[in-house]
PDB file of N, CA and C in Angstrom:
ATOM      1  N   MET A   1     -18.702 -17.487   2.165  1.00  0.00           N
ATOM      2  CA  MET A   1     -17.753 -18.316   2.882  1.00  0.00           C
ATOM      3  C   MET A   1     -16.553 -18.594   1.984  1.00  0.00           C
ATOM      4  N   LEU A   2     -15.380 -18.631   2.552  1.00  0.00           N
ATOM      5  CA  LEU A   2     -14.148 -18.921   1.833  1.00  0.00           C
ATOM      6  C   LEU A   2     -14.158 -20.353   1.343  1.00  0.00           C
ATOM      7  N   LYS A   3     -13.934 -20.547   0.053  1.00  0.00           N
ATOM      8  CA  LYS A   3     -13.887 -21.891  -0.505  1.00  0.00           C
ATOM      9  C   LYS A   3     -12.520 -22.101  -1.142  1.00  0.00           C
ATOM     10  N   THR A   4     -11.889 -23.192  -0.797  1.00  0.00           N
ATOM     11  CA  THR A   4     -10.602 -23.551  -1.374  1.00  0.00           C
ATOM     12  C   THR A   4     -10.655 -25.009  -1.782  1.00  0.00           C
ATOM     13  N   THR A   5      -9.627 -25.486  -2.465  1.00  0.00           N
ATOM     14  CA  THR A   5      -9.612 -26.870  -2.925  1.00  0.00           C
ATOM     15  C   THR A   5      -9.571 -27.854  -1.771  1.00  0.00           C
ATOM     16  N   ASN A   6      -8.901 -27.511  -0.693  1.00  0.00           N
ATOM     17  CA  ASN A   6      -8.833 -28.378   0.478  1.00  0.00           C
ATOM     18  C   ASN A   6      -9.000 -27.505   1.716  1.00  0.00           C
ATOM     19  N   GLN A   7     -10.222 -27.053   1.927  1.00  0.00           N
ATOM     20  CA  GLN A   7     -10.502 -26.046   2.931  1.00  0.00           C
ATOM     21  C   GLN A   7     -10.125 -26.480   4.336  1.00  0.00           C
ATOM     22  N   ASN A   8     -10.342 -27.712   4.706  1.00  0.00           N
ATOM     23  CA  ASN A   8     -10.060 -28.142   6.076  1.00  0.00           C
ATOM     24  C   ASN A   8      -8.588 -28.004   6.426  1.00  0.00           C
ATOM     25  N   ASP A   9      -7.696 -28.452   5.545  1.00  0.00           N
ATOM     26  CA  ASP A   9      -6.265 -28.348   5.811  1.00  0.00           C
ATOM     27  C   ASP A   9      -5.810 -26.895   5.832  1.00  0.00           C
ATOM     28  N   GLU A  10      -6.326 -26.099   4.898  1.00  0.00           N
ATOM     29  CA  GLU A  10      -5.873 -24.718   4.788  1.00  0.00           C
ATOM     30  C   GLU A  10      -6.365 -23.859   5.949  1.00  0.00           C
ATOM     31  N   MET A  11      -7.520 -24.168   6.514  1.00  0.00           N
ATOM     32  CA  MET A  11      -8.034 -23.373   7.616  1.00  0.00           C
ATOM     33  C   MET A  11      -7.199 -23.554   8.880  1.00  0.00           C
ATOM     34  N   ASP A  12      -6.366 -24.592   8.944  1.00  0.00           N
ATOM     35  CA  ASP A  12      -5.458 -24.771  10.073  1.00  0.00           C
ATOM     36  C   ASP A  12      -4.281 -23.805  10.014  1.00  0.00           C
ATOM     37  N   ASP A  13      -4.004 -23.265   8.830  1.00  0.00           N
ATOM     38  CA  ASP A  13      -2.918 -22.309   8.652  1.00  0.00           C
ATOM     39  C   ASP A  13      -3.351 -20.972   9.260  1.00  0.00           C
ATOM     40  N   PRO A  14      -2.576 -20.406  10.231  1.00  0.00           N
ATOM     41  CA  PRO A  14      -2.982 -19.154  10.882  1.00  0.00           C
ATOM     42  C   PRO A  14      -3.126 -17.997   9.895  1.00  0.00           C
ATOM     43  N   HIS A  15      -2.278 -17.977   8.851  1.00  0.00           N
ATOM     44  CA  HIS A  15      -2.356 -16.914   7.836  1.00  0.00           C
ATOM     45  C   HIS A  15      -3.704 -16.972   7.126  1.00  0.00           C
ATOM     46  N   VAL A  16      -4.114 -18.165   6.727  1.00  0.00           N
ATOM     47  CA  VAL A  16      -5.391 -18.330   6.027  1.00  0.00           C
ATOM     48  C   VAL A  16      -6.549 -18.005   6.974  1.00  0.00           C
ATOM     49  N   GLN A  17      -6.457 -18.424   8.218  1.00  0.00           N
ATOM     50  CA  GLN A  17      -7.522 -18.138   9.183  1.00  0.00           C
ATOM     51  C   GLN A  17      -7.682 -16.638   9.391  1.00  0.00           C
ATOM     52  N   ARG A  18      -6.556 -15.916   9.490  1.00  0.00           N
ATOM     53  CA  ARG A  18      -6.624 -14.465   9.663  1.00  0.00           C
ATOM     54  C   ARG A  18      -7.285 -13.816   8.459  1.00  0.00           C
ATOM     55  N   LEU A  19      -6.896 -14.267   7.249  1.00  0.00           N
ATOM     56  CA  LEU A  19      -7.495 -13.715   6.036  1.00  0.00           C
ATOM     57  C   LEU A  19      -8.982 -14.038   5.961  1.00  0.00           C
ATOM     58  N   PHE A  20      -9.337 -15.249   6.325  1.00  0.00           N
ATOM     59  CA  PHE A  20     -10.739 -15.647   6.322  1.00  0.00           C
ATOM     60  C   PHE A  20     -11.540 -14.744   7.258  1.00  0.00           C
ATOM     61  N   ASN A  21     -10.996 -14.488   8.438  1.00  0.00           N
ATOM     62  CA  ASN A  21     -11.685 -13.624   9.398  1.00  0.00           C
ATOM     63  C   ASN A  21     -11.829 -12.207   8.873  1.00  0.00           C
ATOM     64  N   GLU A  22     -10.841 -11.731   8.105  1.00  0.00           N
ATOM     65  CA  GLU A  22     -10.903 -10.376   7.567  1.00  0.00           C
ATOM     66  C   GLU A  22     -11.932 -10.249   6.463  1.00  0.00           C
ATOM     67  N   ILE A  23     -12.105 -11.290   5.634  1.00  0.00           N
ATOM     68  CA  ILE A  23     -12.959 -11.142   4.464  1.00  0.00           C
ATOM     69  C   ILE A  23     -14.336 -11.763   4.602  1.00  0.00           C
ATOM     70  N   LYS A  24     -14.630 -12.494   5.663  1.00  0.00           N
ATOM     71  CA  LYS A  24     -15.910 -13.183   5.736  1.00  0.00           C
ATOM     72  C   LYS A  24     -17.091 -12.222   5.828  1.00  0.00           C
ATOM     73  N   ASP A  25     -16.884 -11.033   6.384  1.00  0.00           N
ATOM     74  CA  ASP A  25     -17.962 -10.063   6.487  1.00  0.00           C
ATOM     75  C   ASP A  25     -17.925  -9.023   5.373  1.00  0.00           C
ATOM     76  N   GLY A  26     -17.075  -9.183   4.408  1.00  0.00           N
ATOM     77  CA  GLY A  26     -16.957  -8.226   3.316  1.00  0.00           C
ATOM     78  C   GLY A  26     -15.542  -8.226   2.787  1.00  0.00           C
ATOM     79  N   SER A  27     -15.312  -7.434   1.782  1.00  0.00           N
ATOM     80  CA  SER A  27     -13.988  -7.422   1.175  1.00  0.00           C
ATOM     81  C   SER A  27     -13.029  -6.569   1.990  1.00  0.00           C
ATOM     82  N   ARG A  28     -11.766  -6.875   1.870  1.00  0.00           N
ATOM     83  CA  ARG A  28     -10.709  -6.131   2.555  1.00  0.00           C
ATOM     84  C   ARG A  28      -9.981  -5.328   1.502  1.00  0.00           C
ATOM     85  N   ILE A  29     -10.114  -4.037   1.567  1.00  0.00           N
ATOM     86  CA  ILE A  29      -9.447  -3.152   0.618  1.00  0.00           C
ATOM     87  C   ILE A  29      -8.394  -2.367   1.382  1.00  0.00           C
ATOM     88  N   ARG A  30      -7.171  -2.391   0.872  1.00  0.00           N
ATOM     89  CA  ARG A  30      -6.084  -1.619   1.453  1.00  0.00           C
ATOM     90  C   ARG A  30      -5.656  -0.567   0.450  1.00  0.00           C
ATOM     91  N   VAL A  31      -5.419   0.629   0.928  1.00  0.00           N
ATOM     92  CA  VAL A  31      -4.936   1.708   0.069  1.00  0.00           C
ATOM     93  C   VAL A  31      -3.536   2.062   0.548  1.00  0.00           C
ATOM     94  N   ILE A  32      -2.579   1.848  -0.358  1.00  0.00           N
ATOM     95  CA  ILE A  32      -1.168   2.088  -0.042  1.00  0.00           C
ATOM     96  C   ILE A  32      -0.651   3.147  -1.001  1.00  0.00           C
ATOM     97  N   LEU A  33       0.036   4.114  -0.460  1.00  0.00           N
ATOM     98  CA  LEU A  33       0.555   5.218  -1.260  1.00  0.00           C
ATOM     99  C   LEU A  33       2.067   5.174  -1.256  1.00  0.00           C
ATOM    100  N   ARG A  34       2.648   5.267  -2.450  1.00  0.00           N
ATOM    101  CA  ARG A  34       4.107   5.459  -2.524  1.00  0.00           C
ATOM    102  C   ARG A  34       4.334   6.841  -3.112  1.00  0.00           C
ATOM    103  N   LEU A  35       5.050   7.660  -2.372  1.00  0.00           N
ATOM    104  CA  LEU A  35       5.322   9.021  -2.829  1.00  0.00           C
ATOM    105  C   LEU A  35       6.372   8.997  -3.927  1.00  0.00           C
ATOM    106  N   ARG A  36       6.233   9.887  -4.856  1.00  0.00           N
ATOM    107  CA  ARG A  36       7.226   9.974  -5.923  1.00  0.00           C
ATOM    108  C   ARG A  36       8.367  10.877  -5.490  1.00  0.00           C
ATOM    109  N   PRO A  37       9.558  10.656  -6.062  1.00  0.00           N
ATOM    110  CA  PRO A  37      10.668  11.564  -5.748  1.00  0.00           C
ATOM    111  C   PRO A  37      10.452  12.908  -6.446  1.00  0.00           C
ATOM    112  N   MET A  38      11.178  13.885  -6.012  1.00  0.00           N
ATOM    113  CA  MET A  38      11.091  15.194  -6.664  1.00  0.00           C
ATOM    114  C   MET A  38      11.635  15.078  -8.085  1.00  0.00           C
ATOM    115  N   SER A  39      10.999  15.787  -9.008  1.00  0.00           N
ATOM    116  CA  SER A  39      11.431  15.763 -10.407  1.00  0.00           C
ATOM    117  C   SER A  39      12.683  16.625 -10.582  1.00  0.00           C
ATOM    118  N   LYS A  40      13.331  16.490 -11.732  1.00  0.00           N
ATOM    119  CA  LYS A  40      14.522  17.293 -12.023  1.00  0.00           C
ATOM    120  C   LYS A  40      14.167  18.779 -12.044  1.00  0.00           C
ATOM    121  N   ILE A  41      12.991  19.087 -12.554  1.00  0.00           N
ATOM    122  CA  ILE A  41      12.560  20.488 -12.591  1.00  0.00           C
ATOM    123  C   ILE A  41      12.378  21.019 -11.169  1.00  0.00           C
ATOM    124  N   GLU A  42      11.750  20.226 -10.319  1.00  0.00           N
ATOM    125  CA  GLU A  42      11.555  20.648  -8.927  1.00  0.00           C
ATOM    126  C   GLU A  42      12.895  20.854  -8.235  1.00  0.00           C
ATOM    127  N   MET A  43      13.828  19.952  -8.492  1.00  0.00           N
ATOM    128  CA  MET A  43      15.151  20.085  -7.862  1.00  0.00           C
ATOM    129  C   MET A  43      15.905  21.285  -8.423  1.00  0.00           C
ATOM    130  N   SER A  44      15.801  21.526  -9.751  1.00  0.00           N
ATOM    131  CA  SER A  44      16.512  22.653 -10.346  1.00  0.00           C
ATOM    132  C   SER A  44      15.966  23.992  -9.852  1.00  0.00           C
ATOM    133  N   ARG A  45      14.711  24.019  -9.478  1.00  0.00           N
ATOM    134  CA  ARG A  45      14.095  25.235  -8.933  1.00  0.00           C
ATOM    135  C   ARG A  45      14.308  25.354  -7.428  1.00  0.00           C
ATOM    136  N   ARG A  46      15.060  24.380  -6.880  1.00  0.00           N
ATOM    137  CA  ARG A  46      15.344  24.342  -5.446  1.00  0.00           C
ATOM    138  C   ARG A  46      14.059  24.310  -4.612  1.00  0.00           C
ATOM    139  N   SER A  47      13.097  23.582  -5.144  1.00  0.00           N
ATOM    140  CA  SER A  47      11.839  23.400  -4.417  1.00  0.00           C
ATOM    141  C   SER A  47      12.105  22.611  -3.155  1.00  0.00           C
ATOM    142  N   ARG A  48      11.291  22.822  -2.165  1.00  0.00           N
ATOM    143  CA  ARG A  48      11.439  22.070  -0.930  1.00  0.00           C
ATOM    144  C   ARG A  48      10.414  20.942  -0.916  1.00  0.00           C
ATOM    145  N   ARG A  49      10.752  19.908  -0.199  1.00  0.00           N
ATOM    146  CA  ARG A  49       9.815  18.801  -0.043  1.00  0.00           C
ATOM    147  C   ARG A  49       8.679  19.283   0.864  1.00  0.00           C
ATOM    148  N   CYS A  50       7.463  19.157   0.405  1.00  0.00           N
ATOM    149  CA  CYS A  50       6.331  19.695   1.158  1.00  0.00           C
ATOM    150  C   CYS A  50       5.524  18.598   1.857  1.00  0.00           C
ATOM    151  N   ILE A  51       6.072  17.381   1.894  1.00  0.00           N
ATOM    152  CA  ILE A  51       5.360  16.261   2.504  1.00  0.00           C
ATOM    153  C   ILE A  51       6.154  15.737   3.693  1.00  0.00           C
ATOM    154  N   GLU A  52       5.458  15.535   4.800  1.00  0.00           N
ATOM    155  CA  GLU A  52       6.070  14.960   5.996  1.00  0.00           C
ATOM    156  C   GLU A  52       5.304  13.690   6.355  1.00  0.00           C
ATOM    157  N   ILE A  53       6.018  12.552   6.340  1.00  0.00           N
ATOM    158  CA  ILE A  53       5.408  11.285   6.734  1.00  0.00           C
ATOM    159  C   ILE A  53       5.548  11.163   8.239  1.00  0.00           C
ATOM    160  N   HIS A  54       4.447  10.857   8.911  1.00  0.00           N
ATOM    161  CA  HIS A  54       4.448  10.769  10.369  1.00  0.00           C
ATOM    162  C   HIS A  54       4.793   9.363  10.835  1.00  0.00           C
ATOM    163  N   GLU A  55       5.157   9.261  12.085  1.00  0.00           N
ATOM    164  CA  GLU A  55       5.518   7.988  12.686  1.00  0.00           C
ATOM    165  C   GLU A  55       4.398   6.972  12.478  1.00  0.00           C
ATOM    166  N   GLY A  56       4.782   5.745  12.165  1.00  0.00           N
ATOM    167  CA  GLY A  56       3.805   4.697  11.903  1.00  0.00           C
ATOM    168  C   GLY A  56       3.534   4.516  10.419  1.00  0.00           C
ATOM    169  N   ALA A  57       4.002   5.447   9.606  1.00  0.00           N
ATOM    170  CA  ALA A  57       3.900   5.378   8.139  1.00  0.00           C
ATOM    171  C   ALA A  57       2.471   5.151   7.651  1.00  0.00           C
ATOM    172  N   ARG A  58       1.509   5.801   8.292  1.00  0.00           N
ATOM    173  CA  ARG A  58       0.126   5.734   7.830  1.00  0.00           C
ATOM    174  C   ARG A  58      -0.413   7.126   7.515  1.00  0.00           C
ATOM    175  N   ASN A  59       0.167   8.129   8.128  1.00  0.00           N
ATOM    176  CA  ASN A  59      -0.309   9.497   7.965  1.00  0.00           C
ATOM    177  C   ASN A  59       0.786  10.365   7.379  1.00  0.00           C
ATOM    178  N   PHE A  60       0.366  11.364   6.627  1.00  0.00           N
ATOM    179  CA  PHE A  60       1.334  12.348   6.181  1.00  0.00           C
ATOM    180  C   PHE A  60       0.651  13.690   6.042  1.00  0.00           C
ATOM    181  N   THR A  61       1.463  14.722   6.060  1.00  0.00           N
ATOM    182  CA  THR A  61       0.972  16.095   5.953  1.00  0.00           C
ATOM    183  C   THR A  61       1.582  16.730   4.716  1.00  0.00           C
ATOM    184  N   VAL A  62       0.732  17.397   3.942  1.00  0.00           N
ATOM    185  CA  VAL A  62       1.190  18.201   2.816  1.00  0.00           C
ATOM    186  C   VAL A  62       1.135  19.644   3.275  1.00  0.00           C
ATOM    187  N   ASP A  63       2.273  20.330   3.189  1.00  0.00           N
ATOM    188  CA  ASP A  63       2.371  21.726   3.596  1.00  0.00           C
ATOM    189  C   ASP A  63       2.439  22.580   2.341  1.00  0.00           C
ATOM    190  N   SER A  64       1.305  23.101   1.942  1.00  0.00           N
ATOM    191  CA  SER A  64       1.225  23.932   0.745  1.00  0.00           C
ATOM    192  C   SER A  64       1.510  25.384   1.115  1.00  0.00           C
ATOM    193  N   PRO A  65       2.484  26.006   0.452  1.00  0.00           N
ATOM    194  CA  PRO A  65       2.796  27.404   0.763  1.00  0.00           C
ATOM    195  C   PRO A  65       1.595  28.329   0.539  1.00  0.00           C
ATOM    196  N   LEU A  66       0.730  27.977  -0.387  1.00  0.00           N
ATOM    197  CA  LEU A  66      -0.413  28.837  -0.705  1.00  0.00           C
ATOM    198  C   LEU A  66      -1.674  28.485   0.085  1.00  0.00           C
ATOM    199  N   ASP A  67      -1.893  27.192   0.357  1.00  0.00           N
ATOM    200  CA  ASP A  67      -3.158  26.750   0.935  1.00  0.00           C
ATOM    201  C   ASP A  67      -3.065  26.226   2.360  1.00  0.00           C
ATOM    202  N   GLY A  68      -1.888  26.120   2.916  1.00  0.00           N
ATOM    203  CA  GLY A  68      -1.743  25.628   4.280  1.00  0.00           C
ATOM    204  C   GLY A  68      -1.470  24.132   4.334  1.00  0.00           C
ATOM    205  N   GLU A  69      -1.703  23.545   5.512  1.00  0.00           N
ATOM    206  CA  GLU A  69      -1.404  22.131   5.728  1.00  0.00           C
ATOM    207  C   GLU A  69      -2.648  21.273   5.569  1.00  0.00           C
ATOM    208  N   PHE A  70      -2.446  20.092   4.990  1.00  0.00           N
ATOM    209  CA  PHE A  70      -3.511  19.112   4.811  1.00  0.00           C
ATOM    210  C   PHE A  70      -2.993  17.757   5.283  1.00  0.00           C
ATOM    211  N   ASP A  71      -3.767  17.077   6.106  1.00  0.00           N
ATOM    212  CA  ASP A  71      -3.395  15.761   6.619  1.00  0.00           C
ATOM    213  C   ASP A  71      -4.156  14.676   5.878  1.00  0.00           C
ATOM    214  N   PHE A  72      -3.460  13.571   5.590  1.00  0.00           N
ATOM    215  CA  PHE A  72      -4.054  12.436   4.898  1.00  0.00           C
ATOM    216  C   PHE A  72      -3.683  11.162   5.647  1.00  0.00           C
ATOM    217  N   CYS A  73      -4.542  10.160   5.559  1.00  0.00           N
ATOM    218  CA  CYS A  73      -4.301   8.881   6.220  1.00  0.00           C
ATOM    219  C   CYS A  73      -4.598   7.751   5.246  1.00  0.00           C
ATOM    220  N   TYR A  74      -3.686   6.812   5.127  1.00  0.00           N
ATOM    221  CA  TYR A  74      -3.831   5.635   4.285  1.00  0.00           C
ATOM    222  C   TYR A  74      -3.519   4.399   5.124  1.00  0.00           C
ATOM    223  N   ASP A  75      -3.725   3.223   4.551  1.00  0.00           N
ATOM    224  CA  ASP A  75      -3.344   2.005   5.261  1.00  0.00           C
ATOM    225  C   ASP A  75      -1.834   1.936   5.431  1.00  0.00           C
ATOM    226  N   GLN A  76      -1.131   2.483   4.445  1.00  0.00           N
ATOM    227  CA  GLN A  76       0.333   2.507   4.524  1.00  0.00           C
ATOM    228  C   GLN A  76       0.847   3.583   3.584  1.00  0.00           C
ATOM    229  N   VAL A  77       1.898   4.280   4.001  1.00  0.00           N
ATOM    230  CA  VAL A  77       2.539   5.285   3.169  1.00  0.00           C
ATOM    231  C   VAL A  77       4.005   4.898   3.033  1.00  0.00           C
ATOM    232  N   LEU A  78       4.460   4.771   1.789  1.00  0.00           N
ATOM    233  CA  LEU A  78       5.858   4.425   1.506  1.00  0.00           C
ATOM    234  C   LEU A  78       6.548   5.653   0.932  1.00  0.00           C
ATOM    235  N   ASP A  79       7.739   5.917   1.397  1.00  0.00           N
ATOM    236  CA  ASP A  79       8.473   7.105   0.972  1.00  0.00           C
ATOM    237  C   ASP A  79       8.981   6.957  -0.459  1.00  0.00           C
ATOM    238  N   SER A  80       9.468   8.044  -0.997  1.00  0.00           N
ATOM    239  CA  SER A  80       9.916   8.066  -2.395  1.00  0.00           C
ATOM    240  C   SER A  80      11.157   7.221  -2.646  1.00  0.00           C
ATOM    241  N   ASP A  81      11.896   6.877  -1.607  1.00  0.00           N
ATOM    242  CA  ASP A  81      13.096   6.053  -1.796  1.00  0.00           C
ATOM    243  C   ASP A  81      12.802   4.551  -1.670  1.00  0.00           C
ATOM    244  N   THR A  82      11.532   4.180  -1.597  1.00  0.00           N
ATOM    245  CA  THR A  82      11.149   2.769  -1.506  1.00  0.00           C
ATOM    246  C   THR A  82      11.461   2.077  -2.833  1.00  0.00           C
ATOM    247  N   THR A  83      12.185   0.970  -2.774  1.00  0.00           N
ATOM    248  CA  THR A  83      12.563   0.244  -3.988  1.00  0.00           C
ATOM    249  C   THR A  83      11.410  -0.621  -4.487  1.00  0.00           C
ATOM    250  N   GLN A  84      11.532  -1.085  -5.731  1.00  0.00           N
ATOM    251  CA  GLN A  84      10.533  -1.993  -6.290  1.00  0.00           C
ATOM    252  C   GLN A  84      10.480  -3.287  -5.479  1.00  0.00           C
ATOM    253  N   ASP A  85      11.642  -3.783  -5.040  1.00  0.00           N
ATOM    254  CA  ASP A  85      11.670  -4.998  -4.215  1.00  0.00           C
ATOM    255  C   ASP A  85      10.904  -4.802  -2.917  1.00  0.00           C
ATOM    256  N   ALA A  86      11.106  -3.654  -2.291  1.00  0.00           N
ATOM    257  CA  ALA A  86      10.384  -3.373  -1.047  1.00  0.00           C
ATOM    258  C   ALA A  86       8.890  -3.234  -1.305  1.00  0.00           C
ATOM    259  N   MET A  87       8.529  -2.622  -2.439  1.00  0.00           N
ATOM    260  CA  MET A  87       7.104  -2.514  -2.806  1.00  0.00           C
ATOM    261  C   MET A  87       6.489  -3.895  -2.952  1.00  0.00           C
ATOM    262  N   PHE A  88       7.196  -4.791  -3.631  1.00  0.00           N
ATOM    263  CA  PHE A  88       6.660  -6.144  -3.805  1.00  0.00           C
ATOM    264  C   PHE A  88       6.509  -6.845  -2.464  1.00  0.00           C
ATOM    265  N   THR A  89       7.496  -6.680  -1.593  1.00  0.00           N
ATOM    266  CA  THR A  89       7.428  -7.310  -0.274  1.00  0.00           C
ATOM    267  C   THR A  89       6.221  -6.796   0.504  1.00  0.00           C
ATOM    268  N   GLU A  90       5.965  -5.505   0.445  1.00  0.00           N
ATOM    269  CA  GLU A  90       4.877  -4.898   1.202  1.00  0.00           C
ATOM    270  C   GLU A  90       3.509  -5.119   0.570  1.00  0.00           C
ATOM    271  N   VAL A  91       3.438  -5.091  -0.758  1.00  0.00           N
ATOM    272  CA  VAL A  91       2.146  -5.118  -1.444  1.00  0.00           C
ATOM    273  C   VAL A  91       1.922  -6.427  -2.199  1.00  0.00           C
ATOM    274  N   GLY A  92       2.839  -6.777  -3.070  1.00  0.00           N
ATOM    275  CA  GLY A  92       2.650  -7.919  -3.956  1.00  0.00           C
ATOM    276  C   GLY A  92       2.693  -9.262  -3.275  1.00  0.00           C
ATOM    277  N   ASN A  93       3.667  -9.471  -2.413  1.00  0.00           N
ATOM    278  CA  ASN A  93       3.827 -10.779  -1.786  1.00  0.00           C
ATOM    279  C   ASN A  93       2.603 -11.205  -0.977  1.00  0.00           C
ATOM    280  N   PRO A  94       2.013 -10.332  -0.149  1.00  0.00           N
ATOM    281  CA  PRO A  94       0.793 -10.754   0.560  1.00  0.00           C
ATOM    282  C   PRO A  94      -0.342 -11.144  -0.394  1.00  0.00           C
ATOM    283  N   VAL A  95      -0.441 -10.458  -1.510  1.00  0.00           N
ATOM    284  CA  VAL A  95      -1.486 -10.791  -2.484  1.00  0.00           C
ATOM    285  C   VAL A  95      -1.216 -12.166  -3.085  1.00  0.00           C
ATOM    286  N   VAL A  96       0.036 -12.438  -3.431  1.00  0.00           N
ATOM    287  CA  VAL A  96       0.394 -13.754  -3.972  1.00  0.00           C
ATOM    288  C   VAL A  96       0.064 -14.843  -2.958  1.00  0.00           C
ATOM    289  N   GLN A  97       0.402 -14.618  -1.687  1.00  0.00           N
ATOM    290  CA  GLN A  97       0.102 -15.604  -0.643  1.00  0.00           C
ATOM    291  C   GLN A  97      -1.401 -15.840  -0.530  1.00  0.00           C
ATOM    292  N   ASN A  98      -2.183 -14.779  -0.628  1.00  0.00           N
ATOM    293  CA  ASN A  98      -3.641 -14.909  -0.563  1.00  0.00           C
ATOM    294  C   ASN A  98      -4.188 -15.709  -1.747  1.00  0.00           C
ATOM    295  N   VAL A  99      -3.666 -15.433  -2.940  1.00  0.00           N
ATOM    296  CA  VAL A  99      -4.105 -16.164  -4.132  1.00  0.00           C
ATOM    297  C   VAL A  99      -3.776 -17.648  -3.972  1.00  0.00           C
ATOM    298  N   LEU A 100      -2.581 -17.953  -3.482  1.00  0.00           N
ATOM    299  CA  LEU A 100      -2.196 -19.346  -3.280  1.00  0.00           C
ATOM    300  C   LEU A 100      -3.047 -20.023  -2.212  1.00  0.00           C
ATOM    301  N   ALA A 101      -3.629 -19.230  -1.302  1.00  0.00           N
ATOM    302  CA  ALA A 101      -4.513 -19.776  -0.272  1.00  0.00           C
ATOM    303  C   ALA A 101      -5.950 -19.902  -0.777  1.00  0.00           C
ATOM    304  N   GLY A 102      -6.177 -19.531  -2.041  1.00  0.00           N
ATOM    305  CA  GLY A 102      -7.502 -19.682  -2.631  1.00  0.00           C
ATOM    306  C   GLY A 102      -8.396 -18.469  -2.507  1.00  0.00           C
ATOM    307  N   ILE A 103      -7.823 -17.321  -2.182  1.00  0.00           N
ATOM    308  CA  ILE A 103      -8.610 -16.101  -2.023  1.00  0.00           C
ATOM    309  C   ILE A 103      -8.456 -15.247  -3.270  1.00  0.00           C
ATOM    310  N   ASN A 104      -9.574 -14.805  -3.826  1.00  0.00           N
ATOM    311  CA  ASN A 104      -9.537 -13.926  -5.001  1.00  0.00           C
ATOM    312  C   ASN A 104      -8.975 -12.574  -4.598  1.00  0.00           C
ATOM    313  N   CYS A 105      -8.002 -12.094  -5.346  1.00  0.00           N
ATOM    314  CA  CYS A 105      -7.334 -10.833  -5.024  1.00  0.00           C
ATOM    315  C   CYS A 105      -7.033 -10.072  -6.297  1.00  0.00           C
ATOM    316  N   SER A 106      -6.778  -8.798  -6.130  1.00  0.00           N
ATOM    317  CA  SER A 106      -6.294  -7.994  -7.249  1.00  0.00           C
ATOM    318  C   SER A 106      -5.474  -6.836  -6.698  1.00  0.00           C
ATOM    319  N   VAL A 107      -4.618  -6.313  -7.548  1.00  0.00           N
ATOM    320  CA  VAL A 107      -3.839  -5.121  -7.230  1.00  0.00           C
ATOM    321  C   VAL A 107      -4.146  -4.117  -8.321  1.00  0.00           C
ATOM    322  N   ILE A 108      -4.588  -2.954  -7.918  1.00  0.00           N
ATOM    323  CA  ILE A 108      -4.889  -1.892  -8.869  1.00  0.00           C
ATOM    324  C   ILE A 108      -3.913  -0.760  -8.588  1.00  0.00           C
ATOM    325  N   THR A 109      -3.222  -0.336  -9.619  1.00  0.00           N
ATOM    326  CA  THR A 109      -2.239   0.721  -9.439  1.00  0.00           C
ATOM    327  C   THR A 109      -2.640   1.934 -10.253  1.00  0.00           C
ATOM    328  N   TYR A 110      -2.183   3.067  -9.805  1.00  0.00           N
ATOM    329  CA  TYR A 110      -2.447   4.308 -10.524  1.00  0.00           C
ATOM    330  C   TYR A 110      -1.215   5.174 -10.434  1.00  0.00           C
ATOM    331  N   GLY A 111      -0.856   5.760 -11.533  1.00  0.00           N
ATOM    332  CA  GLY A 111       0.282   6.666 -11.559  1.00  0.00           C
ATOM    333  C   GLY A 111       0.887   6.687 -12.930  1.00  0.00           C
ATOM    334  N   ALA A 112       1.535   7.761 -13.239  1.00  0.00           N
ATOM    335  CA  ALA A 112       2.177   7.893 -14.542  1.00  0.00           C
ATOM    336  C   ALA A 112       3.394   6.972 -14.623  1.00  0.00           C
ATOM    337  N   THR A 113       3.548   6.317 -15.759  1.00  0.00           N
ATOM    338  CA  THR A 113       4.695   5.453 -15.965  1.00  0.00           C
ATOM    339  C   THR A 113       5.982   6.251 -15.840  1.00  0.00           C
ATOM    340  N   MET A 114       6.924   5.678 -15.112  1.00  0.00           N
ATOM    341  CA  MET A 114       8.237   6.284 -14.892  1.00  0.00           C
ATOM    342  C   MET A 114       8.151   7.597 -14.118  1.00  0.00           C
ATOM    343  N   SER A 115       7.090   7.790 -13.331  1.00  0.00           N
ATOM    344  CA  SER A 115       6.976   9.022 -12.567  1.00  0.00           C
ATOM    345  C   SER A 115       7.670   8.943 -11.222  1.00  0.00           C
ATOM    346  N   GLY A 116       8.235   7.791 -10.927  1.00  0.00           N
ATOM    347  CA  GLY A 116       8.911   7.684  -9.645  1.00  0.00           C
ATOM    348  C   GLY A 116       8.915   6.286  -9.233  1.00  0.00           C
TER     349      GLY A 116
END
């Protein structure tokens, strides 16, 4: 059960109630992907972008010249031109709001530093 310092008052907040409903039966894990921009080497070789993000920004297709097309689905897919501010708005801010509501949260990131 969700425990906070003042649970009765906080449960009246619709945001907290929605989060409580999402996590009461287990943890809520979201997987969000931000695509990296093409590297200078890729651009100098006149490589083509092989990823197509589909409507709704949850699915994308990788079109490999050698292996064909592969479809992937995530909770959210952000394009390579997504700014750090937009990333925080989409990913970080909801986590901060959850922490302030008394819900244990974490953000785990993976990727090479300065890769995009």
